[in-house]
Amino acid sequence: MDLTIARVLMWQSLVGVVLAAVLWGAYGNVAGYSALLGSMTCVVPNAFLALRLVVPRRDPGAAALIRAAWIGEMGKLALTVLLFTLVFTLVTPLLAAALFAGFIATQLVTISGFLMRSEQDTSNSNGS
């Protein structure tokens, strides 16, 4: 797996766990596990998309990559909807504010992936 993708997924998981721990300590266990569930509702679909993009394909062409990205995005959307549906129907009690805080905080980590990638590209071009 691409190092940047692995790092982003690791940081997303770490942010989710840290936020859950902070909310658990400040507001109790319902807030803590709600935030953790929100975070995992973001990380699992992102990992699915990442795997769709980095798994080797028989056809290395652009069309195959676009197809993999499209399937990955649709799968990511479907997994996100499925996970939110499962959480809202099966988990009680649930603190929706903490759930969405975990999801949003974890999703914002994705932006850091773009920054990591641009820093990596800049350092590679300076070293050449």
N, C-alpha and C. Protein backbone atom coordinates (compact mmCIF):
# COMPACT_ATOMS: atom_id res chain seq x y z
N MET A 1 0.85 -1.17 0.00
CA MET A 1 0.00 0.00 0.00
C MET A 1 0.90 1.23 0.00
N ASP A 2 0.47 2.25 -0.69
CA ASP A 2 1.20 3.51 -0.75
C ASP A 2 1.40 4.04 0.67
N LEU A 3 2.61 4.52 0.95
CA LEU A 3 2.94 4.98 2.29
C LEU A 3 2.05 6.12 2.74
N THR A 4 1.72 7.05 1.85
CA THR A 4 0.87 8.18 2.22
C THR A 4 -0.52 7.69 2.61
N ILE A 5 -1.07 6.74 1.86
CA ILE A 5 -2.40 6.21 2.16
C ILE A 5 -2.39 5.52 3.52
N ALA A 6 -1.38 4.72 3.77
CA ALA A 6 -1.28 4.02 5.05
C ALA A 6 -1.16 5.01 6.20
N ARG A 7 -0.37 6.07 5.99
CA ARG A 7 -0.22 7.08 7.04
C ARG A 7 -1.52 7.81 7.32
N VAL A 8 -2.25 8.15 6.27
CA VAL A 8 -3.53 8.85 6.45
C VAL A 8 -4.50 7.96 7.22
N LEU A 9 -4.61 6.70 6.85
CA LEU A 9 -5.51 5.78 7.56
C LEU A 9 -5.08 5.60 9.02
N MET A 10 -3.75 5.54 9.25
CA MET A 10 -3.26 5.42 10.62
C MET A 10 -3.62 6.68 11.43
N TRP A 11 -3.39 7.86 10.84
CA TRP A 11 -3.70 9.10 11.54
C TRP A 11 -5.20 9.26 11.76
N GLN A 12 -6.01 8.83 10.79
CA GLN A 12 -7.45 8.88 10.98
C GLN A 12 -7.86 8.04 12.19
N SER A 13 -7.32 6.84 12.26
CA SER A 13 -7.63 5.96 13.39
C SER A 13 -7.16 6.57 14.70
N LEU A 14 -5.96 7.12 14.70
CA LEU A 14 -5.41 7.72 15.91
C LEU A 14 -6.24 8.92 16.37
N VAL A 15 -6.62 9.78 15.44
CA VAL A 15 -7.46 10.94 15.80
C VAL A 15 -8.78 10.46 16.38
N GLY A 16 -9.37 9.44 15.78
CA GLY A 16 -10.63 8.91 16.30
C GLY A 16 -10.50 8.36 17.71
N VAL A 17 -9.43 7.62 17.97
CA VAL A 17 -9.23 7.04 19.30
C VAL A 17 -8.96 8.14 20.32
N VAL A 18 -8.13 9.12 19.96
CA VAL A 18 -7.83 10.21 20.90
C VAL A 18 -9.08 11.03 21.20
N LEU A 19 -9.85 11.36 20.16
CA LEU A 19 -11.09 12.12 20.39
C LEU A 19 -12.04 11.32 21.26
N ALA A 20 -12.18 10.03 20.99
CA ALA A 20 -13.06 9.18 21.80
C ALA A 20 -12.60 9.16 23.26
N ALA A 21 -11.29 9.07 23.48
CA ALA A 21 -10.77 9.06 24.85
C ALA A 21 -11.04 10.37 25.57
N VAL A 22 -10.85 11.48 24.84
CA VAL A 22 -11.10 12.80 25.44
C VAL A 22 -12.58 12.94 25.79
N LEU A 23 -13.45 12.59 24.85
CA LEU A 23 -14.88 12.70 25.12
C LEU A 23 -15.34 11.72 26.20
N TRP A 24 -14.73 10.54 26.23
CA TRP A 24 -15.04 9.57 27.26
C TRP A 24 -14.70 10.14 28.64
N GLY A 25 -13.52 10.75 28.75
CA GLY A 25 -13.12 11.35 30.02
C GLY A 25 -13.95 12.55 30.40
N ALA A 26 -14.33 13.36 29.42
CA ALA A 26 -15.05 14.60 29.72
C ALA A 26 -16.56 14.40 29.87
N TYR A 27 -17.16 13.52 29.07
CA TYR A 27 -18.62 13.41 29.04
C TYR A 27 -19.16 12.02 29.33
N GLY A 28 -18.27 11.04 29.52
CA GLY A 28 -18.74 9.70 29.86
C GLY A 28 -18.60 8.71 28.72
N ASN A 29 -18.95 7.47 29.04
CA ASN A 29 -18.70 6.40 28.08
C ASN A 29 -19.59 6.48 26.85
N VAL A 30 -20.81 6.99 26.93
CA VAL A 30 -21.67 7.10 25.75
C VAL A 30 -21.04 8.03 24.72
N ALA A 31 -20.54 9.16 25.18
CA ALA A 31 -19.87 10.10 24.27
C ALA A 31 -18.62 9.47 23.68
N GLY A 32 -17.89 8.72 24.48
CA GLY A 32 -16.66 8.10 24.02
C GLY A 32 -16.90 7.07 22.93
N TYR A 33 -17.80 6.13 23.19
CA TYR A 33 -18.01 5.12 22.15
C TYR A 33 -18.78 5.67 20.96
N SER A 34 -19.58 6.71 21.16
CA SER A 34 -20.25 7.35 20.02
C SER A 34 -19.22 7.99 19.08
N ALA A 35 -18.25 8.68 19.66
CA ALA A 35 -17.19 9.29 18.85
C ALA A 35 -16.35 8.23 18.15
N LEU A 36 -16.06 7.15 18.84
CA LEU A 36 -15.28 6.07 18.22
C LEU A 36 -16.05 5.43 17.06
N LEU A 37 -17.34 5.23 17.24
CA LEU A 37 -18.16 4.68 16.15
C LEU A 37 -18.20 5.65 14.96
N GLY A 38 -18.29 6.95 15.23
CA GLY A 38 -18.27 7.94 14.15
C GLY A 38 -16.95 7.90 13.39
N SER A 39 -15.87 7.77 14.13
CA SER A 39 -14.56 7.70 13.52
C SER A 39 -14.42 6.45 12.65
N MET A 40 -14.85 5.32 13.17
CA MET A 40 -14.75 4.07 12.40
C MET A 40 -15.69 4.08 11.19
N THR A 41 -16.78 4.84 11.29
CA THR A 41 -17.69 4.99 10.15
C THR A 41 -17.01 5.76 9.03
N CYS A 42 -15.97 6.47 9.34
CA CYS A 42 -15.17 7.18 8.33
C CYS A 42 -13.99 6.33 7.86
N VAL A 43 -13.29 5.70 8.79
CA VAL A 43 -12.05 4.98 8.46
C VAL A 43 -12.31 3.74 7.60
N VAL A 44 -13.33 2.96 7.95
CA VAL A 44 -13.58 1.71 7.22
C VAL A 44 -13.88 1.97 5.74
N PRO A 45 -14.81 2.88 5.40
CA PRO A 45 -15.03 3.15 3.98
C PRO A 45 -13.80 3.74 3.26
N ASN A 46 -13.03 4.57 3.97
CA ASN A 46 -11.82 5.12 3.35
C ASN A 46 -10.80 4.02 3.07
N ALA A 47 -10.71 3.05 3.96
CA ALA A 47 -9.80 1.92 3.74
C ALA A 47 -10.26 1.10 2.53
N PHE A 48 -11.57 0.93 2.39
CA PHE A 48 -12.09 0.21 1.22
C PHE A 48 -11.69 0.93 -0.07
N LEU A 49 -11.88 2.24 -0.11
CA LEU A 49 -11.50 3.01 -1.29
C LEU A 49 -10.00 2.89 -1.56
N ALA A 50 -9.21 3.02 -0.52
CA ALA A 50 -7.76 2.92 -0.68
C ALA A 50 -7.35 1.57 -1.26
N LEU A 51 -7.95 0.51 -0.75
CA LEU A 51 -7.62 -0.81 -1.27
C LEU A 51 -8.03 -0.97 -2.73
N ARG A 52 -9.16 -0.42 -3.10
CA ARG A 52 -9.60 -0.49 -4.50
C ARG A 52 -8.60 0.21 -5.42
N LEU A 53 -7.98 1.27 -4.93
CA LEU A 53 -7.07 2.03 -5.77
C LEU A 53 -5.67 1.44 -5.85
N VAL A 54 -5.22 0.75 -4.81
CA VAL A 54 -3.83 0.29 -4.80
C VAL A 54 -3.66 -1.19 -5.14
N VAL A 55 -4.74 -1.96 -5.13
CA VAL A 55 -4.62 -3.38 -5.47
C VAL A 55 -4.27 -3.49 -6.95
N PRO A 56 -3.26 -4.30 -7.27
CA PRO A 56 -2.88 -4.44 -8.69
C PRO A 56 -4.03 -5.02 -9.53
N ARG A 57 -4.15 -4.50 -10.73
CA ARG A 57 -5.20 -4.94 -11.66
C ARG A 57 -4.55 -5.64 -12.84
N ARG A 58 -5.32 -6.52 -13.48
CA ARG A 58 -4.80 -7.21 -14.69
C ARG A 58 -4.53 -6.19 -15.78
N ASP A 59 -5.41 -5.21 -15.89
CA ASP A 59 -5.25 -4.16 -16.90
C ASP A 59 -4.70 -2.91 -16.21
N PRO A 60 -3.45 -2.55 -16.46
CA PRO A 60 -2.86 -1.38 -15.78
C PRO A 60 -3.23 -0.05 -16.42
N GLY A 61 -4.14 -0.04 -17.37
CA GLY A 61 -4.47 1.18 -18.10
C GLY A 61 -5.31 2.15 -17.31
N ALA A 62 -5.46 3.33 -17.91
CA ALA A 62 -6.21 4.42 -17.27
C ALA A 62 -7.68 4.06 -17.08
N ALA A 63 -8.27 3.37 -18.05
CA ALA A 63 -9.69 3.00 -17.94
C ALA A 63 -9.93 2.09 -16.74
N ALA A 64 -9.02 1.16 -16.50
CA ALA A 64 -9.16 0.26 -15.35
C ALA A 64 -9.02 1.03 -14.04
N LEU A 65 -8.12 2.01 -14.00
CA LEU A 65 -7.95 2.82 -12.80
C LEU A 65 -9.19 3.66 -12.53
N ILE A 66 -9.75 4.24 -13.58
CA ILE A 66 -10.98 5.04 -13.42
C ILE A 66 -12.11 4.15 -12.93
N ARG A 67 -12.22 2.95 -13.49
CA ARG A 67 -13.27 2.01 -13.06
C ARG A 67 -13.06 1.63 -11.59
N ALA A 68 -11.82 1.37 -11.19
CA ALA A 68 -11.54 1.03 -9.80
C ALA A 68 -11.87 2.19 -8.87
N ALA A 69 -11.55 3.41 -9.30
CA ALA A 69 -11.87 4.59 -8.49
C ALA A 69 -13.38 4.77 -8.37
N TRP A 70 -14.09 4.57 -9.46
CA TRP A 70 -15.54 4.73 -9.44
C TRP A 70 -16.18 3.69 -8.51
N ILE A 71 -15.76 2.43 -8.65
CA ILE A 71 -16.29 1.37 -7.78
C ILE A 71 -15.91 1.65 -6.33
N GLY A 72 -14.69 2.13 -6.12
CA GLY A 72 -14.24 2.46 -4.77
C GLY A 72 -15.06 3.57 -4.14
N GLU A 73 -15.35 4.61 -4.91
CA GLU A 73 -16.16 5.72 -4.38
C GLU A 73 -17.59 5.29 -4.10
N MET A 74 -18.17 4.50 -5.01
CA MET A 74 -19.53 4.02 -4.79
C MET A 74 -19.58 3.08 -3.57
N GLY A 75 -18.57 2.23 -3.46
CA GLY A 75 -18.49 1.35 -2.29
C GLY A 75 -18.29 2.13 -1.01
N LYS A 76 -17.47 3.17 -1.07
CA LYS A 76 -17.24 4.01 0.10
C LYS A 76 -18.55 4.68 0.54
N LEU A 77 -19.29 5.21 -0.41
CA LEU A 77 -20.57 5.84 -0.10
C LEU A 77 -21.54 4.82 0.49
N ALA A 78 -21.64 3.65 -0.15
CA ALA A 78 -22.55 2.61 0.33
C ALA A 78 -22.16 2.13 1.73
N LEU A 79 -20.86 1.94 1.97
CA LEU A 79 -20.41 1.52 3.30
C LEU A 79 -20.70 2.59 4.36
N THR A 80 -20.52 3.85 4.00
CA THR A 80 -20.80 4.93 4.95
C THR A 80 -22.27 4.94 5.33
N VAL A 81 -23.14 4.84 4.33
CA VAL A 81 -24.58 4.81 4.59
C VAL A 81 -24.94 3.58 5.43
N LEU A 82 -24.39 2.42 5.07
CA LEU A 82 -24.67 1.19 5.80
C LEU A 82 -24.21 1.29 7.25
N LEU A 83 -23.00 1.80 7.47
CA LEU A 83 -22.48 1.89 8.83
C LEU A 83 -23.28 2.89 9.68
N PHE A 84 -23.63 4.04 9.11
CA PHE A 84 -24.46 4.99 9.86
C PHE A 84 -25.83 4.37 10.17
N THR A 85 -26.39 3.66 9.21
CA THR A 85 -27.69 3.01 9.44
C THR A 85 -27.58 1.99 10.57
N LEU A 86 -26.54 1.17 10.53
CA LEU A 86 -26.35 0.18 11.59
C LEU A 86 -26.16 0.83 12.95
N VAL A 87 -25.35 1.88 13.00
CA VAL A 87 -25.10 2.55 14.27
C VAL A 87 -26.39 3.15 14.82
N PHE A 88 -27.14 3.86 13.97
CA PHE A 88 -28.36 4.52 14.46
C PHE A 88 -29.46 3.52 14.82
N THR A 89 -29.47 2.36 14.20
CA THR A 89 -30.53 1.39 14.52
C THR A 89 -30.16 0.42 15.62
N LEU A 90 -28.88 0.12 15.79
CA LEU A 90 -28.48 -0.91 16.74
C LEU A 90 -27.87 -0.40 18.05
N VAL A 91 -27.36 0.82 18.06
CA VAL A 91 -26.63 1.30 19.23
C VAL A 91 -27.51 2.24 20.05
N THR A 92 -27.77 1.84 21.27
CA THR A 92 -28.48 2.70 22.22
C THR A 92 -27.84 2.53 23.59
N PRO A 93 -27.64 3.55 24.33
CA PRO A 93 -27.84 4.95 23.96
C PRO A 93 -26.71 5.43 23.04
N LEU A 94 -27.00 6.48 22.33
CA LEU A 94 -26.06 7.04 21.37
C LEU A 94 -26.11 8.56 21.47
N LEU A 95 -24.95 9.19 21.42
CA LEU A 95 -24.87 10.64 21.43
C LEU A 95 -24.51 11.10 20.01
N ALA A 96 -25.51 11.59 19.29
CA ALA A 96 -25.32 11.93 17.87
C ALA A 96 -24.25 13.00 17.68
N ALA A 97 -24.18 13.97 18.57
CA ALA A 97 -23.17 15.02 18.44
C ALA A 97 -21.76 14.43 18.48
N ALA A 98 -21.53 13.51 19.38
CA ALA A 98 -20.21 12.87 19.48
C ALA A 98 -19.95 11.98 18.27
N LEU A 99 -20.98 11.28 17.79
CA LEU A 99 -20.84 10.43 16.61
C LEU A 99 -20.39 11.26 15.41
N PHE A 100 -21.08 12.38 15.17
CA PHE A 100 -20.72 13.21 14.03
C PHE A 100 -19.40 13.96 14.27
N ALA A 101 -19.08 14.28 15.51
CA ALA A 101 -17.78 14.90 15.80
C ALA A 101 -16.65 13.93 15.45
N GLY A 102 -16.82 12.67 15.80
CA GLY A 102 -15.82 11.66 15.45
C GLY A 102 -15.69 11.50 13.95
N PHE A 103 -16.83 11.46 13.26
CA PHE A 103 -16.81 11.30 11.81
C PHE A 103 -16.14 12.50 11.13
N ILE A 104 -16.52 13.70 11.52
CA ILE A 104 -16.00 14.91 10.89
C ILE A 104 -14.51 15.10 11.20
N ALA A 105 -14.12 14.91 12.45
CA ALA A 105 -12.71 15.06 12.81
C ALA A 105 -11.84 14.08 12.04
N THR A 106 -12.32 12.86 11.91
CA THR A 106 -11.57 11.84 11.18
C THR A 106 -11.53 12.17 9.70
N GLN A 107 -12.62 12.65 9.15
CA GLN A 107 -12.67 13.00 7.73
C GLN A 107 -11.72 14.16 7.43
N LEU A 108 -11.58 15.09 8.35
CA LEU A 108 -10.68 16.23 8.14
C LEU A 108 -9.22 15.81 8.04
N VAL A 109 -8.88 14.66 8.61
CA VAL A 109 -7.51 14.16 8.52
C VAL A 109 -7.13 13.89 7.06
N THR A 110 -8.12 13.59 6.23
CA THR A 110 -7.86 13.32 4.81
C THR A 110 -7.16 14.50 4.16
N ILE A 111 -7.49 15.70 4.57
CA ILE A 111 -6.84 16.90 4.02
C ILE A 111 -5.34 16.85 4.29
N SER A 112 -4.96 16.34 5.45
CA SER A 112 -3.53 16.24 5.76
C SER A 112 -2.83 15.29 4.79
N GLY A 113 -3.57 14.33 4.25
CA GLY A 113 -2.98 13.43 3.26
C GLY A 113 -2.56 14.17 2.02
N PHE A 114 -3.38 15.13 1.60
CA PHE A 114 -3.01 15.94 0.45
C PHE A 114 -1.77 16.78 0.77
N LEU A 115 -1.70 17.29 1.99
CA LEU A 115 -0.54 18.08 2.39
C LEU A 115 0.71 17.21 2.46
N MET A 116 0.57 15.97 3.02
CA MET A 116 1.71 15.05 3.07
C MET A 116 2.19 14.73 1.66
N ARG A 117 1.26 14.52 0.77
CA ARG A 117 1.60 14.16 -0.60
C ARG A 117 2.32 15.30 -1.30
N SER A 118 1.82 16.55 -1.10
CA SER A 118 2.46 17.68 -1.75
C SER A 118 3.85 17.93 -1.17
N GLU A 119 4.02 17.71 0.14
CA GLU A 119 5.35 17.85 0.75
C GLU A 119 6.29 16.78 0.20
N GLN A 120 5.77 15.57 0.05
CA GLN A 120 6.58 14.48 -0.49
C GLN A 120 7.00 14.78 -1.92
N ASP A 121 6.06 15.29 -2.72
CA ASP A 121 6.38 15.64 -4.11
C ASP A 121 7.40 16.76 -4.17
N THR A 122 7.28 17.76 -3.29
CA THR A 122 8.22 18.87 -3.26
C THR A 122 9.61 18.40 -2.87
N SER A 123 9.71 17.53 -1.86
CA SER A 123 11.02 17.04 -1.45
C SER A 123 11.65 16.14 -2.51
N ASN A 124 10.83 15.39 -3.23
CA ASN A 124 11.36 14.55 -4.31
C ASN A 124 11.86 15.38 -5.48
N SER A 125 11.17 16.48 -5.79
CA SER A 125 11.61 17.31 -6.91
C SER A 125 12.85 18.14 -6.55
N ASN A 126 13.00 18.48 -5.25
CA ASN A 126 14.20 19.23 -4.83
C ASN A 126 15.43 18.34 -4.78
N GLY A 127 15.22 17.04 -4.50
CA GLY A 127 16.34 16.11 -4.40
C GLY A 127 16.85 15.66 -5.75
N SER A 128 16.10 15.87 -6.82
CA SER A 128 16.52 15.40 -8.16
C SER A 128 17.42 16.38 -8.85
